[in-house]
Amino acid sequence: MSRVAIPALEDRASLGIAMILVAWLFFSMIDTSVKWLVLAGLPAMQLAFMRYVGHFFISTWLVMRGGLDAERFQTDRLGLVLFRAYLLTSSTALNFLALLYLPLTVTASIMFTSPILVCLLGWPMLGERAGPWRVFGIVLGFVGVLVVMRPFGAEFHWAMLLSLHNALAMALYSILTRKLAGVVSTEIMQFYMGLFGTAVLLPVAVYYWSNPSTALDWVLMILLGVFGWAGHELLTRAHRFATANTLMPYAYFFLLFLSVSGYLIWGHLPDRPTLIGAAIIIGSGLLIWVRTRLHSTSKQAATRSSVSK
């Protein structure tokens, strides 16, 4: 038996955008379900485990469809694949804990510093220098985070620091996903993500386990793994069809999805500082995206000009 096939990168931006929108819808369903379940008294680490154990069974079945040969589970980038899995697992667990204390829109707003951090980390990790406009966008995004968090006011909550960690973890996760796309198959990345999260969270889940009290809670808890697998399947595949810079602006639909679900279920409306801070963060992210697109376009034009000569 051979290893799982690794599909090549393709330039199909529309398909990538459609995939990323549905992926963020699934992610919003995870956060909404977890918010419901933690308020019902279920431990956050138990829910994090359920999110990964379902993911693990689905991804294992998909890899094993081609046979039971151990070679199908091998990858030359195992270290990076496992580090990527660690980043997402830690982000998931701490995000579920933060949702016990914070509204959905607050956690989502802070998480959206992730694209800004991608730009900031682009220099040391990818060799991509940030020009003056992108540096301004990074600083502006930091201001937006301060407006949302209000670190020196009565509205500050320590759980906001968890969301800040999650933003950094997701930025690194996004960079690694793009680096591994076209090198490691989606199925293998999904398998090791599920395996890592399940193995790490199993002891904690067993220790804190509490049975849901209603049939709806059982269904939502079981579906966490399905939502998680489906969302990351689409997110990983989307990076095969479009660049991270192309996909980044559509991640802001996540905040819209959470705002709708938060209002419909709990009647939560973001307060003025959260709305202002979220607008600043989104504006800074879009500024970075525009500058990156312009730089990429001018670079491509210069390359075509030199080739024609």
C-alpha atoms as a PDB file:
ATOM      1  CA  MET A   1       0.000   0.000   0.000  1.00  0.00           C
ATOM      2  CA  SER A   2       1.148   3.570  -0.648  1.00  0.00           C
ATOM      3  CA  ARG A   3       0.826   6.624   1.480  1.00  0.00           C
ATOM      4  CA  VAL A   4      -2.260   8.823   1.299  1.00  0.00           C
ATOM      5  CA  ALA A   5      -2.120  10.864  -1.905  1.00  0.00           C
ATOM      6  CA  ILE A   6      -1.150  14.518  -1.551  1.00  0.00           C
ATOM      7  CA  PRO A   7      -3.158  16.697  -3.958  1.00  0.00           C
ATOM      8  CA  ALA A   8      -1.322  19.614  -5.532  1.00  0.00           C
ATOM      9  CA  LEU A   9      -2.138  23.266  -4.905  1.00  0.00           C
ATOM     10  CA  GLU A  10      -4.673  24.763  -7.333  1.00  0.00           C
ATOM     11  CA  ASP A  11      -5.663  28.326  -8.163  1.00  0.00           C
ATOM     12  CA  ARG A  12      -9.432  28.182  -7.536  1.00  0.00           C
ATOM     13  CA  ALA A  13     -10.061  31.138  -5.253  1.00  0.00           C
ATOM     14  CA  SER A  14     -13.879  31.070  -5.457  1.00  0.00           C
ATOM     15  CA  LEU A  15     -13.999  27.473  -4.255  1.00  0.00           C
ATOM     16  CA  GLY A  16     -11.537  28.254  -1.466  1.00  0.00           C
ATOM     17  CA  ILE A  17     -13.636  31.223  -0.322  1.00  0.00           C
ATOM     18  CA  ALA A  18     -16.846  29.148  -0.306  1.00  0.00           C
ATOM     19  CA  MET A  19     -15.089  26.478   1.758  1.00  0.00           C
ATOM     20  CA  ILE A  20     -13.728  28.959   4.284  1.00  0.00           C
ATOM     21  CA  LEU A  21     -17.162  30.534   4.809  1.00  0.00           C
ATOM     22  CA  VAL A  22     -18.746  27.165   5.593  1.00  0.00           C
ATOM     23  CA  ALA A  23     -15.765  26.295   7.789  1.00  0.00           C
ATOM     24  CA  TRP A  24     -16.298  29.410   9.920  1.00  0.00           C
ATOM     25  CA  LEU A  25     -20.004  28.576  10.150  1.00  0.00           C
ATOM     26  CA  PHE A  26     -19.072  25.183  11.628  1.00  0.00           C
ATOM     27  CA  PHE A  27     -16.639  26.856  14.037  1.00  0.00           C
ATOM     28  CA  SER A  28     -19.375  29.224  15.194  1.00  0.00           C
ATOM     29  CA  MET A  29     -21.596  26.199  15.824  1.00  0.00           C
ATOM     30  CA  ILE A  30     -18.848  24.742  18.040  1.00  0.00           C
ATOM     31  CA  ASP A  31     -18.495  27.894  20.139  1.00  0.00           C
ATOM     32  CA  THR A  32     -22.256  28.352  20.436  1.00  0.00           C
ATOM     33  CA  SER A  33     -22.741  24.714  21.485  1.00  0.00           C
ATOM     34  CA  VAL A  34     -19.892  24.905  24.002  1.00  0.00           C
ATOM     35  CA  LYS A  35     -21.260  28.129  25.485  1.00  0.00           C
ATOM     36  CA  TRP A  36     -24.605  26.367  25.928  1.00  0.00           C
ATOM     37  CA  LEU A  37     -23.013  23.284  27.483  1.00  0.00           C
ATOM     38  CA  VAL A  38     -20.640  25.027  29.906  1.00  0.00           C
ATOM     39  CA  LEU A  39     -23.533  27.150  31.156  1.00  0.00           C
ATOM     40  CA  ALA A  40     -25.371  23.846  31.692  1.00  0.00           C
ATOM     41  CA  GLY A  41     -22.560  22.809  34.024  1.00  0.00           C
ATOM     42  CA  LEU A  42     -20.434  20.522  31.829  1.00  0.00           C
ATOM     43  CA  PRO A  43     -16.630  20.805  32.334  1.00  0.00           C
ATOM     44  CA  ALA A  44     -14.759  22.684  29.584  1.00  0.00           C
ATOM     45  CA  MET A  45     -12.023  20.029  29.326  1.00  0.00           C
ATOM     46  CA  GLN A  46     -14.626  17.283  28.874  1.00  0.00           C
ATOM     47  CA  LEU A  47     -16.103  19.221  25.963  1.00  0.00           C
ATOM     48  CA  ALA A  48     -12.649  19.795  24.477  1.00  0.00           C
ATOM     49  CA  PHE A  49     -12.045  16.037  24.629  1.00  0.00           C
ATOM     50  CA  MET A  50     -15.367  15.303  22.925  1.00  0.00           C
ATOM     51  CA  ARG A  51     -14.499  17.783  20.201  1.00  0.00           C
ATOM     52  CA  TYR A  52     -11.317  15.787  19.420  1.00  0.00           C
ATOM     53  CA  VAL A  53     -12.436  12.193  19.992  1.00  0.00           C
ATOM     54  CA  GLY A  54     -15.156  12.539  17.344  1.00  0.00           C
ATOM     55  CA  HIS A  55     -12.640  14.181  15.044  1.00  0.00           C
ATOM     56  CA  PHE A  56     -10.211  11.290  15.676  1.00  0.00           C
ATOM     57  CA  PHE A  57     -12.690   8.528  14.785  1.00  0.00           C
ATOM     58  CA  ILE A  58     -13.811  10.252  11.575  1.00  0.00           C
ATOM     59  CA  SER A  59     -10.272  11.001  10.370  1.00  0.00           C
ATOM     60  CA  THR A  60      -9.028   7.504  11.269  1.00  0.00           C
ATOM     61  CA  TRP A  61     -11.833   5.917   9.254  1.00  0.00           C
ATOM     62  CA  LEU A  62     -11.023   8.105   6.250  1.00  0.00           C
ATOM     63  CA  VAL A  63      -7.322   7.189   6.289  1.00  0.00           C
ATOM     64  CA  MET A  64      -8.075   3.470   6.769  1.00  0.00           C
ATOM     65  CA  ARG A  65     -10.445   3.308   3.805  1.00  0.00           C
ATOM     66  CA  GLY A  66      -7.442   2.650   1.561  1.00  0.00           C
ATOM     67  CA  GLY A  67      -6.147  -0.195   3.730  1.00  0.00           C
ATOM     68  CA  LEU A  68      -4.531  -0.924   7.092  1.00  0.00           C
ATOM     69  CA  ASP A  69      -0.931  -0.502   5.933  1.00  0.00           C
ATOM     70  CA  ALA A  70       1.025   1.502   8.541  1.00  0.00           C
ATOM     71  CA  GLU A  71       2.661   3.467   5.722  1.00  0.00           C
ATOM     72  CA  ARG A  72      -0.614   5.288   5.137  1.00  0.00           C
ATOM     73  CA  PHE A  73      -0.169   7.018   8.506  1.00  0.00           C
ATOM     74  CA  GLN A  74       3.393   8.143   7.835  1.00  0.00           C
ATOM     75  CA  THR A  75       4.573  11.647   6.977  1.00  0.00           C
ATOM     76  CA  ASP A  76       7.976  13.241   6.518  1.00  0.00           C
ATOM     77  CA  ARG A  77       6.766  16.322   8.424  1.00  0.00           C
ATOM     78  CA  LEU A  78       5.600  14.589  11.596  1.00  0.00           C
ATOM     79  CA  GLY A  79       7.178  17.155  13.931  1.00  0.00           C
ATOM     80  CA  LEU A  80       5.419  20.094  12.264  1.00  0.00           C
ATOM     81  CA  VAL A  81       2.156  18.143  11.985  1.00  0.00           C
ATOM     82  CA  LEU A  82       2.207  17.377  15.727  1.00  0.00           C
ATOM     83  CA  PHE A  83       3.144  20.959  16.626  1.00  0.00           C
ATOM     84  CA  ARG A  84       0.233  22.156  14.489  1.00  0.00           C
ATOM     85  CA  ALA A  85      -2.022  19.730  16.406  1.00  0.00           C
ATOM     86  CA  TYR A  86      -0.695  21.047  19.740  1.00  0.00           C
ATOM     87  CA  LEU A  87      -1.436  24.641  18.726  1.00  0.00           C
ATOM     88  CA  LEU A  88      -5.039  23.848  17.883  1.00  0.00           C
ATOM     89  CA  THR A  89      -5.603  21.603  20.901  1.00  0.00           C
ATOM     90  CA  SER A  90      -4.333  24.222  23.360  1.00  0.00           C
ATOM     91  CA  SER A  91      -6.356  26.917  21.610  1.00  0.00           C
ATOM     92  CA  THR A  92      -9.530  24.796  21.728  1.00  0.00           C
ATOM     93  CA  ALA A  93      -9.201  23.846  25.394  1.00  0.00           C
ATOM     94  CA  LEU A  94      -8.482  27.388  26.577  1.00  0.00           C
ATOM     95  CA  ASN A  95     -11.171  28.858  24.324  1.00  0.00           C
ATOM     96  CA  PHE A  96     -13.770  26.510  25.821  1.00  0.00           C
ATOM     97  CA  LEU A  97     -12.662  27.637  29.272  1.00  0.00           C
ATOM     98  CA  ALA A  98     -12.864  31.318  28.278  1.00  0.00           C
ATOM     99  CA  LEU A  99     -16.419  30.803  26.981  1.00  0.00           C
ATOM    100  CA  LEU A 100     -17.496  29.990  30.533  1.00  0.00           C
ATOM    101  CA  TYR A 101     -16.762  33.585  31.524  1.00  0.00           C
ATOM    102  CA  LEU A 102     -16.938  35.737  28.388  1.00  0.00           C
ATOM    103  CA  PRO A 103     -19.594  36.520  25.753  1.00  0.00           C
ATOM    104  CA  LEU A 104     -19.106  34.944  22.322  1.00  0.00           C
ATOM    105  CA  THR A 105     -18.468  38.308  20.678  1.00  0.00           C
ATOM    106  CA  VAL A 106     -15.657  39.199  23.108  1.00  0.00           C
ATOM    107  CA  THR A 107     -13.759  35.934  22.594  1.00  0.00           C
ATOM    108  CA  ALA A 108     -14.246  36.197  18.821  1.00  0.00           C
ATOM    109  CA  SER A 109     -13.077  39.841  18.702  1.00  0.00           C
ATOM    110  CA  ILE A 110      -9.844  39.055  20.540  1.00  0.00           C
ATOM    111  CA  MET A 111      -9.319  35.943  18.414  1.00  0.00           C
ATOM    112  CA  PHE A 112      -9.434  38.113  15.321  1.00  0.00           C
ATOM    113  CA  THR A 113      -6.053  39.549  16.136  1.00  0.00           C
ATOM    114  CA  SER A 114      -4.844  36.259  14.646  1.00  0.00           C
ATOM    115  CA  PRO A 115      -4.558  37.590  11.032  1.00  0.00           C
ATOM    116  CA  ILE A 116      -2.671  40.603  12.401  1.00  0.00           C
ATOM    117  CA  LEU A 117      -0.292  38.293  14.248  1.00  0.00           C
ATOM    118  CA  VAL A 118       0.179  36.294  11.031  1.00  0.00           C
ATOM    119  CA  CYS A 119       1.531  39.478   9.455  1.00  0.00           C
ATOM    120  CA  LEU A 120       3.720  40.195  12.486  1.00  0.00           C
ATOM    121  CA  LEU A 121       5.163  36.657  12.481  1.00  0.00           C
ATOM    122  CA  GLY A 122       5.619  36.631   8.713  1.00  0.00           C
ATOM    123  CA  TRP A 123       9.090  38.176   8.968  1.00  0.00           C
ATOM    124  CA  PRO A 124      10.759  35.716  11.389  1.00  0.00           C
ATOM    125  CA  MET A 125       8.918  32.641  10.091  1.00  0.00           C
ATOM    126  CA  LEU A 126       8.461  33.279   6.374  1.00  0.00           C
ATOM    127  CA  GLY A 127      10.976  36.013   5.641  1.00  0.00           C
ATOM    128  CA  GLU A 128       8.189  38.453   4.697  1.00  0.00           C
ATOM    129  CA  ARG A 129       9.059  41.974   5.825  1.00  0.00           C
ATOM    130  CA  ALA A 130       6.194  44.260   6.851  1.00  0.00           C
ATOM    131  CA  GLY A 131       6.189  47.728   5.298  1.00  0.00           C
ATOM    132  CA  PRO A 132       5.087  50.938   7.072  1.00  0.00           C
ATOM    133  CA  TRP A 133       1.394  50.461   6.270  1.00  0.00           C
ATOM    134  CA  ARG A 134       1.339  46.918   7.539  1.00  0.00           C
ATOM    135  CA  VAL A 135       3.201  47.950  10.695  1.00  0.00           C
ATOM    136  CA  PHE A 136       0.532  50.618  11.174  1.00  0.00           C
ATOM    137  CA  GLY A 137      -2.144  47.924  10.724  1.00  0.00           C
ATOM    138  CA  ILE A 138      -0.477  45.782  13.401  1.00  0.00           C
ATOM    139  CA  VAL A 139      -0.378  48.707  15.858  1.00  0.00           C
ATOM    140  CA  LEU A 140      -3.989  49.594  15.031  1.00  0.00           C
ATOM    141  CA  GLY A 141      -5.074  46.010  15.690  1.00  0.00           C
ATOM    142  CA  PHE A 142      -3.344  46.109  19.081  1.00  0.00           C
ATOM    143  CA  VAL A 143      -5.289  49.279  19.918  1.00  0.00           C
ATOM    144  CA  GLY A 144      -8.506  47.467  18.997  1.00  0.00           C
ATOM    145  CA  VAL A 145      -7.637  44.622  21.370  1.00  0.00           C
ATOM    146  CA  LEU A 146      -7.061  47.106  24.200  1.00  0.00           C
ATOM    147  CA  VAL A 147     -10.465  48.676  23.527  1.00  0.00           C
ATOM    148  CA  VAL A 148     -12.178  45.265  23.735  1.00  0.00           C
ATOM    149  CA  MET A 149     -10.219  44.011  26.748  1.00  0.00           C
ATOM    150  CA  ARG A 150     -10.138  47.289  28.747  1.00  0.00           C
ATOM    151  CA  PRO A 151      -7.167  45.909  30.723  1.00  0.00           C
ATOM    152  CA  PHE A 152      -7.199  48.695  33.316  1.00  0.00           C
ATOM    153  CA  GLY A 153     -10.956  48.937  33.798  1.00  0.00           C
ATOM    154  CA  ALA A 154     -13.641  47.113  35.726  1.00  0.00           C
ATOM    155  CA  GLU A 155     -14.704  45.210  32.593  1.00  0.00           C
ATOM    156  CA  PHE A 156     -11.386  43.363  32.277  1.00  0.00           C
ATOM    157  CA  HIS A 157     -11.546  39.620  32.986  1.00  0.00           C
ATOM    158  CA  TRP A 158      -8.545  37.307  33.296  1.00  0.00           C
ATOM    159  CA  ALA A 159     -10.144  34.911  30.785  1.00  0.00           C
ATOM    160  CA  MET A 160      -9.405  37.502  28.085  1.00  0.00           C
ATOM    161  CA  LEU A 161      -5.739  36.508  28.407  1.00  0.00           C
ATOM    162  CA  LEU A 162      -6.750  32.984  27.380  1.00  0.00           C
ATOM    163  CA  SER A 163      -8.322  34.381  24.218  1.00  0.00           C
ATOM    164  CA  LEU A 164      -5.142  36.342  23.540  1.00  0.00           C
ATOM    165  CA  HIS A 165      -3.120  33.113  23.768  1.00  0.00           C
ATOM    166  CA  ASN A 166      -5.606  31.469  21.415  1.00  0.00           C
ATOM    167  CA  ALA A 167      -5.117  34.230  18.844  1.00  0.00           C
ATOM    168  CA  LEU A 168      -1.356  33.638  18.852  1.00  0.00           C
ATOM    169  CA  ALA A 169      -1.817  29.861  18.628  1.00  0.00           C
ATOM    170  CA  MET A 170      -4.216  30.234  15.694  1.00  0.00           C
ATOM    171  CA  ALA A 171      -1.813  32.577  13.893  1.00  0.00           C
ATOM    172  CA  LEU A 172       0.939  29.962  14.103  1.00  0.00           C
ATOM    173  CA  TYR A 173      -1.588  27.263  13.137  1.00  0.00           C
ATOM    174  CA  SER A 174      -2.571  29.237  10.029  1.00  0.00           C
ATOM    175  CA  ILE A 175       1.055  29.684   8.951  1.00  0.00           C
ATOM    176  CA  LEU A 176       1.808  25.980   9.429  1.00  0.00           C
ATOM    177  CA  THR A 177      -1.365  24.961   7.568  1.00  0.00           C
ATOM    178  CA  ARG A 178      -0.260  26.897   4.495  1.00  0.00           C
ATOM    179  CA  LYS A 179       3.311  25.574   4.737  1.00  0.00           C
ATOM    180  CA  LEU A 180       2.067  21.975   4.955  1.00  0.00           C
ATOM    181  CA  ALA A 181      -0.665  22.288   2.280  1.00  0.00           C
ATOM    182  CA  GLY A 182       0.495  20.415  -0.823  1.00  0.00           C
ATOM    183  CA  VAL A 183       3.208  18.664   1.244  1.00  0.00           C
ATOM    184  CA  VAL A 184       1.142  16.660   3.749  1.00  0.00           C
ATOM    185  CA  SER A 185      -2.304  15.309   2.863  1.00  0.00           C
ATOM    186  CA  THR A 186      -5.370  16.789   4.533  1.00  0.00           C
ATOM    187  CA  GLU A 187      -6.338  13.337   5.827  1.00  0.00           C
ATOM    188  CA  ILE A 188      -3.009  12.893   7.622  1.00  0.00           C
ATOM    189  CA  MET A 189      -3.114  16.373   9.174  1.00  0.00           C
ATOM    190  CA  GLN A 190      -6.652  15.690  10.356  1.00  0.00           C
ATOM    191  CA  PHE A 191      -5.707  12.262  11.745  1.00  0.00           C
ATOM    192  CA  TYR A 192      -2.814  13.519  13.863  1.00  0.00           C
ATOM    193  CA  MET A 193      -4.834  16.488  15.053  1.00  0.00           C
ATOM    194  CA  GLY A 194      -7.570  14.170  16.329  1.00  0.00           C
ATOM    195  CA  LEU A 195      -5.062  11.702  17.783  1.00  0.00           C
ATOM    196  CA  PHE A 196      -3.089  14.380  19.636  1.00  0.00           C
ATOM    197  CA  GLY A 197      -6.136  16.138  21.076  1.00  0.00           C
ATOM    198  CA  THR A 198      -7.761  12.867  22.159  1.00  0.00           C
ATOM    199  CA  ALA A 199      -4.623  11.491  23.824  1.00  0.00           C
ATOM    200  CA  VAL A 200      -3.761  14.708  25.680  1.00  0.00           C
ATOM    201  CA  LEU A 201      -7.275  15.503  26.890  1.00  0.00           C
ATOM    202  CA  LEU A 202      -8.433  11.950  27.768  1.00  0.00           C
ATOM    203  CA  PRO A 203      -7.022  11.863  31.359  1.00  0.00           C
ATOM    204  CA  VAL A 204      -8.455  15.288  32.197  1.00  0.00           C
ATOM    205  CA  ALA A 205     -11.844  14.409  30.684  1.00  0.00           C
ATOM    206  CA  VAL A 206     -12.062  11.161  32.670  1.00  0.00           C
ATOM    207  CA  TYR A 207     -11.199  12.966  35.907  1.00  0.00           C
ATOM    208  CA  TYR A 208     -13.784  15.743  35.450  1.00  0.00           C
ATOM    209  CA  TRP A 209     -16.442  13.759  33.533  1.00  0.00           C
ATOM    210  CA  SER A 210     -20.064  14.733  34.088  1.00  0.00           C
ATOM    211  CA  ASN A 211     -23.003  13.259  32.162  1.00  0.00           C
ATOM    212  CA  PRO A 212     -25.261  15.734  30.340  1.00  0.00           C
ATOM    213  CA  SER A 213     -28.698  16.095  31.909  1.00  0.00           C
ATOM    214  CA  THR A 214     -30.794  16.375  28.716  1.00  0.00           C
ATOM    215  CA  ALA A 215     -30.969  14.645  25.331  1.00  0.00           C
ATOM    216  CA  LEU A 216     -30.191  17.965  23.595  1.00  0.00           C
ATOM    217  CA  ASP A 217     -27.001  18.344  25.632  1.00  0.00           C
ATOM    218  CA  TRP A 218     -25.918  14.808  24.692  1.00  0.00           C
ATOM    219  CA  VAL A 219     -26.516  15.535  20.996  1.00  0.00           C
ATOM    220  CA  LEU A 220     -24.626  18.834  21.083  1.00  0.00           C
ATOM    221  CA  MET A 221     -21.717  17.257  22.954  1.00  0.00           C
ATOM    222  CA  ILE A 222     -21.420  14.418  20.434  1.00  0.00           C
ATOM    223  CA  LEU A 223     -21.706  16.802  17.477  1.00  0.00           C
ATOM    224  CA  LEU A 224     -18.727  18.867  18.674  1.00  0.00           C
ATOM    225  CA  GLY A 225     -16.356  16.392  17.040  1.00  0.00           C
ATOM    226  CA  VAL A 226     -18.352  16.373  13.806  1.00  0.00           C
ATOM    227  CA  PHE A 227     -18.417  20.183  13.638  1.00  0.00           C
ATOM    228  CA  GLY A 228     -14.693  20.330  14.433  1.00  0.00           C
ATOM    229  CA  TRP A 229     -13.700  17.759  11.829  1.00  0.00           C
ATOM    230  CA  ALA A 230     -15.890  19.304   9.136  1.00  0.00           C
ATOM    231  CA  GLY A 231     -14.679  22.840   9.829  1.00  0.00           C
ATOM    232  CA  HIS A 232     -10.982  21.965   9.742  1.00  0.00           C
ATOM    233  CA  GLU A 233     -11.436  19.676   6.744  1.00  0.00           C
ATOM    234  CA  LEU A 234     -12.854  22.627   4.815  1.00  0.00           C
ATOM    235  CA  LEU A 235     -10.311  25.105   6.225  1.00  0.00           C
ATOM    236  CA  THR A 236      -7.353  22.895   5.300  1.00  0.00           C
ATOM    237  CA  ARG A 237      -8.686  22.179   1.822  1.00  0.00           C
ATOM    238  CA  ALA A 238      -9.471  25.866   1.256  1.00  0.00           C
ATOM    239  CA  HIS A 239      -5.765  26.655   1.696  1.00  0.00           C
ATOM    240  CA  ARG A 240      -5.081  24.308  -1.217  1.00  0.00           C
ATOM    241  CA  PHE A 241      -7.238  26.427  -3.515  1.00  0.00           C
ATOM    242  CA  ALA A 242      -6.392  29.944  -2.303  1.00  0.00           C
ATOM    243  CA  THR A 243      -3.656  31.749  -0.400  1.00  0.00           C
ATOM    244  CA  ALA A 244      -3.994  32.701   3.260  1.00  0.00           C
ATOM    245  CA  ASN A 245      -4.082  36.390   2.275  1.00  0.00           C
ATOM    246  CA  THR A 246      -7.034  35.750  -0.042  1.00  0.00           C
ATOM    247  CA  LEU A 247      -8.964  33.798   2.581  1.00  0.00           C
ATOM    248  CA  MET A 248      -8.236  35.994   5.600  1.00  0.00           C
ATOM    249  CA  PRO A 249     -10.985  38.677   5.214  1.00  0.00           C
ATOM    250  CA  TYR A 250     -13.732  36.044   5.100  1.00  0.00           C
ATOM    251  CA  ALA A 251     -12.802  34.848   8.583  1.00  0.00           C
ATOM    252  CA  TYR A 252     -14.604  37.924   9.922  1.00  0.00           C
ATOM    253  CA  PHE A 253     -17.898  36.224   9.081  1.00  0.00           C
ATOM    254  CA  PHE A 254     -17.201  34.159  12.225  1.00  0.00           C
ATOM    255  CA  LEU A 255     -17.926  37.232  14.347  1.00  0.00           C
ATOM    256  CA  LEU A 256     -21.165  37.808  12.424  1.00  0.00           C
ATOM    257  CA  PHE A 257     -22.265  34.184  12.907  1.00  0.00           C
ATOM    258  CA  LEU A 258     -21.538  34.353  16.650  1.00  0.00           C
ATOM    259  CA  SER A 259     -23.302  37.692  17.035  1.00  0.00           C
ATOM    260  CA  VAL A 260     -26.458  36.215  15.478  1.00  0.00           C
ATOM    261  CA  SER A 261     -26.401  33.037  17.583  1.00  0.00           C
ATOM    262  CA  GLY A 262     -25.558  34.948  20.779  1.00  0.00           C
ATOM    263  CA  TYR A 263     -28.515  37.260  20.253  1.00  0.00           C
ATOM    264  CA  LEU A 264     -31.001  34.562  19.212  1.00  0.00           C
ATOM    265  CA  ILE A 265     -30.158  32.182  22.092  1.00  0.00           C
ATOM    266  CA  TRP A 266     -29.150  34.438  25.012  1.00  0.00           C
ATOM    267  CA  GLY A 267     -30.229  37.899  23.865  1.00  0.00           C
ATOM    268  CA  HIS A 268     -26.610  39.079  24.062  1.00  0.00           C
ATOM    269  CA  LEU A 269     -25.774  42.243  22.181  1.00  0.00           C
ATOM    270  CA  PRO A 270     -22.149  43.465  22.120  1.00  0.00           C
ATOM    271  CA  ASP A 271     -21.614  46.630  24.180  1.00  0.00           C
ATOM    272  CA  ARG A 272     -20.214  49.792  22.607  1.00  0.00           C
ATOM    273  CA  PRO A 273     -16.512  49.224  23.473  1.00  0.00           C
ATOM    274  CA  THR A 274     -16.680  45.681  22.081  1.00  0.00           C
ATOM    275  CA  LEU A 275     -18.231  46.934  18.838  1.00  0.00           C
ATOM    276  CA  ILE A 276     -15.685  49.755  18.524  1.00  0.00           C
ATOM    277  CA  GLY A 277     -12.763  47.458  19.304  1.00  0.00           C
ATOM    278  CA  ALA A 278     -14.020  44.785  16.902  1.00  0.00           C
ATOM    279  CA  ALA A 279     -14.387  47.400  14.159  1.00  0.00           C
ATOM    280  CA  ILE A 280     -10.806  48.604  14.757  1.00  0.00           C
ATOM    281  CA  ILE A 281      -9.457  45.033  14.690  1.00  0.00           C
ATOM    282  CA  ILE A 282     -11.366  44.190  11.509  1.00  0.00           C
ATOM    283  CA  GLY A 283     -10.259  47.472   9.921  1.00  0.00           C
ATOM    284  CA  SER A 284      -6.626  46.785  10.739  1.00  0.00           C
ATOM    285  CA  GLY A 285      -6.868  43.255   9.362  1.00  0.00           C
ATOM    286  CA  LEU A 286      -8.410  44.508   6.131  1.00  0.00           C
ATOM    287  CA  LEU A 287      -5.716  47.205   5.849  1.00  0.00           C
ATOM    288  CA  ILE A 288      -3.000  44.554   6.135  1.00  0.00           C
ATOM    289  CA  TRP A 289      -4.836  42.409   3.586  1.00  0.00           C
ATOM    290  CA  VAL A 290      -5.138  45.283   1.075  1.00  0.00           C
ATOM    291  CA  ARG A 291      -1.455  46.181   1.411  1.00  0.00           C
ATOM    292  CA  THR A 292      -0.461  42.537   1.008  1.00  0.00           C
ATOM    293  CA  ARG A 293      -2.602  42.202  -2.115  1.00  0.00           C
ATOM    294  CA  LEU A 294      -1.146  45.390  -3.618  1.00  0.00           C
ATOM    295  CA  HIS A 295       2.389  44.230  -2.869  1.00  0.00           C
ATOM    296  CA  SER A 296       1.692  40.821  -4.407  1.00  0.00           C
ATOM    297  CA  THR A 297       0.133  42.406  -7.523  1.00  0.00           C
ATOM    298  CA  SER A 298       3.037  44.803  -8.060  1.00  0.00           C
ATOM    299  CA  LYS A 299       5.524  41.961  -7.553  1.00  0.00           C
ATOM    300  CA  GLN A 300       3.750  39.803 -10.136  1.00  0.00           C
ATOM    301  CA  ALA A 301       3.654  42.721 -12.588  1.00  0.00           C
ATOM    302  CA  ALA A 302       7.389  43.306 -12.121  1.00  0.00           C
ATOM    303  CA  THR A 303       8.081  39.606 -12.725  1.00  0.00           C
ATOM    304  CA  ARG A 304       6.013  39.574 -15.923  1.00  0.00           C
ATOM    305  CA  SER A 305       7.789  42.728 -17.121  1.00  0.00           C
ATOM    306  CA  SER A 306      11.238  41.236 -16.563  1.00  0.00           C
ATOM    307  CA  VAL A 307      10.231  38.007 -18.339  1.00  0.00           C
ATOM    308  CA  SER A 308       8.877  39.906 -21.364  1.00  0.00           C
ATOM    309  CA  LYS A 309      12.177  41.717 -21.715  1.00  0.00           C
END
